[in-house]
Structure formats: structure tokens, C-alpha cells
Amino acid sequence: MKHVKQQAGFTLIEMLIVLLIISVLILITIPNVTKHFATIDEKGCTAYISMVQGQVEAYRVDFMTYPTLEELVTNGYLKENETTCPNKSEIVITSDGEVKLANPSSGADAGGT
């Protein structure tokens, strides 16, 4: 009679425990990752507003008046596809030259200096 060697390997219980641990780690990680994406979008929009504010000031120096977004694009201060924040939030230029979010309830900081 042949002796059957016992092969080393994982049991079903061990595999289930490993899957449970991996699942818990994934559940902990996903909310943190989505929170970071929101923060990145907010900071990107704030930086974009600051950049557009600089272009508004450059236009004012050149033409002695505050521009609209359309005038910035027409005169080459912004590209045509650069009239919204990276997160697609609309921006506006007020009559006194301040660049801010058109809809500030989206959560990004609209500070325009």
C-alpha cells in the first residue's frame, strides 16, 4: 500500500480569513481615497482661480479695463477650453475684476487675490 503524502497548502478557513482581512482593508481605504480626490479638485480650482486672476490683472494693465472671460479668450490671455475649473465648476469675473466661482456652494474656495 502506498503512502499518500500530505500536501502543504491553505485550508478553506485560512483562505476565508485572508479574504476577510483584505475586504476590511479595502473598506477602510476607499472612503479616504475619495476624500483626497475632492481635496485635490478643490485645491486645483483655487489655483486655477488665482491664475485667471493674474490674467485679468495683465489684461487690465494692457487695456485699462477689466475683461470678461470671453475677452480673455479672444485676446489670447486664456485658451478656449480653459474657462472652467479643473472640476468643471464655472467661474465668473465681477465688474471690479475679481475672479470667483459662479456657484460658490460647490465647496471650493473662491478667494481671488
Protein backbone atom coordinates (compact mmCIF):
# COMPACT_ATOMS: atom_id res chain seq x y z
CA MET A 1 0.00 0.00 0.00
CA LYS A 2 1.29 3.42 -1.00
CA HIS A 3 1.51 6.18 1.49
CA VAL A 4 -0.11 9.37 0.30
CA LYS A 5 1.94 12.38 1.20
CA GLN A 6 0.04 15.21 2.81
CA GLN A 7 0.49 18.26 0.63
CA ALA A 8 1.08 21.57 2.32
CA GLY A 9 -1.43 24.26 1.41
CA PHE A 10 -4.08 26.60 2.70
CA THR A 11 -7.32 25.35 4.12
CA LEU A 12 -10.64 26.90 3.20
CA ILE A 13 -10.85 28.62 6.60
CA GLU A 14 -7.42 30.21 6.14
CA MET A 15 -8.39 31.49 2.70
CA LEU A 16 -11.64 32.97 4.05
CA ILE A 17 -9.77 34.74 6.87
CA VAL A 18 -7.33 36.26 4.37
CA LEU A 19 -10.22 37.42 2.15
CA LEU A 20 -11.96 38.93 5.17
CA ILE A 21 -8.84 40.88 6.15
CA ILE A 22 -8.37 42.15 2.57
CA SER A 23 -12.03 43.19 2.41
CA VAL A 24 -11.77 45.14 5.66
CA LEU A 25 -8.64 46.93 4.41
CA ILE A 26 -10.40 47.87 1.17
CA LEU A 27 -13.43 49.18 3.05
CA ILE A 28 -11.17 51.37 5.18
CA THR A 29 -9.14 52.65 2.21
CA ILE A 30 -11.85 53.60 -0.33
CA PRO A 31 -13.50 56.45 1.66
CA ASN A 32 -10.08 58.01 2.34
CA VAL A 33 -9.16 57.92 -1.35
CA THR A 34 -12.42 59.61 -2.43
CA LYS A 35 -11.92 62.30 0.23
CA HIS A 36 -8.46 63.02 -1.20
CA PHE A 37 -9.85 63.36 -4.74
CA ALA A 38 -12.30 66.01 -3.50
CA THR A 39 -9.45 67.89 -1.81
CA ILE A 40 -7.35 67.72 -4.98
CA ASP A 41 -10.23 69.13 -7.07
CA GLU A 42 -10.78 71.94 -4.56
CA LYS A 43 -7.10 72.93 -4.50
CA GLY A 44 -6.90 72.72 -8.28
CA CYS A 45 -9.86 75.06 -8.62
CA THR A 46 -8.38 77.52 -6.11
CA ALA A 47 -5.08 77.54 -8.03
CA TYR A 48 -6.93 77.99 -11.32
CA ILE A 49 -8.86 80.98 -9.96
CA SER A 50 -5.57 82.56 -8.87
CA MET A 51 -4.10 82.01 -12.35
CA VAL A 52 -7.13 83.58 -14.06
CA GLN A 53 -6.95 86.50 -11.60
CA GLY A 54 -3.38 87.08 -12.79
CA GLN A 55 -4.56 87.09 -16.40
CA VAL A 56 -7.31 89.59 -15.51
CA GLU A 57 -4.69 91.90 -13.99
CA ALA A 58 -2.44 91.53 -17.06
CA TYR A 59 -5.42 92.42 -19.30
CA ARG A 60 -6.24 95.44 -17.10
CA VAL A 61 -2.66 96.69 -17.42
CA ASP A 62 -2.79 96.32 -21.21
CA PHE A 63 -6.32 97.69 -21.87
CA MET A 64 -7.07 99.79 -18.73
CA THR A 65 -10.35 97.95 -18.15
CA TYR A 66 -11.45 94.69 -16.55
CA PRO A 67 -12.25 91.92 -19.06
CA THR A 68 -14.91 89.27 -19.34
CA LEU A 69 -13.95 85.62 -19.79
CA GLU A 70 -14.79 85.92 -23.49
CA GLU A 71 -12.43 88.89 -23.86
CA LEU A 72 -9.63 86.97 -22.16
CA VAL A 73 -10.08 84.13 -24.67
CA THR A 74 -10.46 86.45 -27.67
CA ASN A 75 -7.28 88.37 -26.83
CA GLY A 76 -5.22 85.24 -26.11
CA TYR A 77 -4.95 85.51 -22.33
CA LEU A 78 -6.77 82.16 -21.88
CA LYS A 79 -7.28 79.21 -24.17
CA GLU A 80 -10.84 78.49 -25.24
CA ASN A 81 -11.03 75.27 -23.21
CA GLU A 82 -9.68 76.98 -20.05
CA THR A 83 -12.81 78.85 -18.95
CA THR A 84 -13.83 76.47 -16.14
CA CYS A 85 -12.10 74.98 -13.11
CA PRO A 86 -10.50 71.54 -13.50
CA ASN A 87 -13.53 70.09 -11.66
CA LYS A 88 -15.81 71.76 -14.27
CA SER A 89 -17.08 74.48 -11.87
CA GLU A 90 -17.96 77.68 -13.70
CA ILE A 91 -16.06 80.87 -12.87
CA VAL A 92 -17.06 84.50 -13.37
CA ILE A 93 -15.25 87.83 -13.40
CA THR A 94 -17.06 90.54 -11.46
CA SER A 95 -17.28 94.15 -12.64
CA ASP A 96 -14.42 95.08 -10.28
CA GLY A 97 -12.15 92.36 -11.73
CA GLU A 98 -12.50 89.70 -9.05
CA VAL A 99 -12.44 86.11 -10.29
CA LYS A 100 -14.68 83.75 -8.31
CA LEU A 101 -16.87 80.70 -8.63
CA ALA A 102 -20.20 81.30 -10.36
CA ASN A 103 -21.82 78.87 -7.93
CA PRO A 104 -19.86 79.06 -4.63
CA SER A 105 -21.98 76.34 -2.97
CA SER A 106 -19.75 73.69 -4.61
CA GLY A 107 -17.36 73.93 -1.66
CA ALA A 108 -14.21 75.24 -3.34
CA ASP A 109 -12.65 78.40 -2.00
CA ALA A 110 -13.37 81.35 -4.25
CA GLY A 111 -10.80 83.69 -2.74
CA GLY A 112 -9.50 85.62 -5.67
CA THR A 113 -6.35 87.50 -4.63
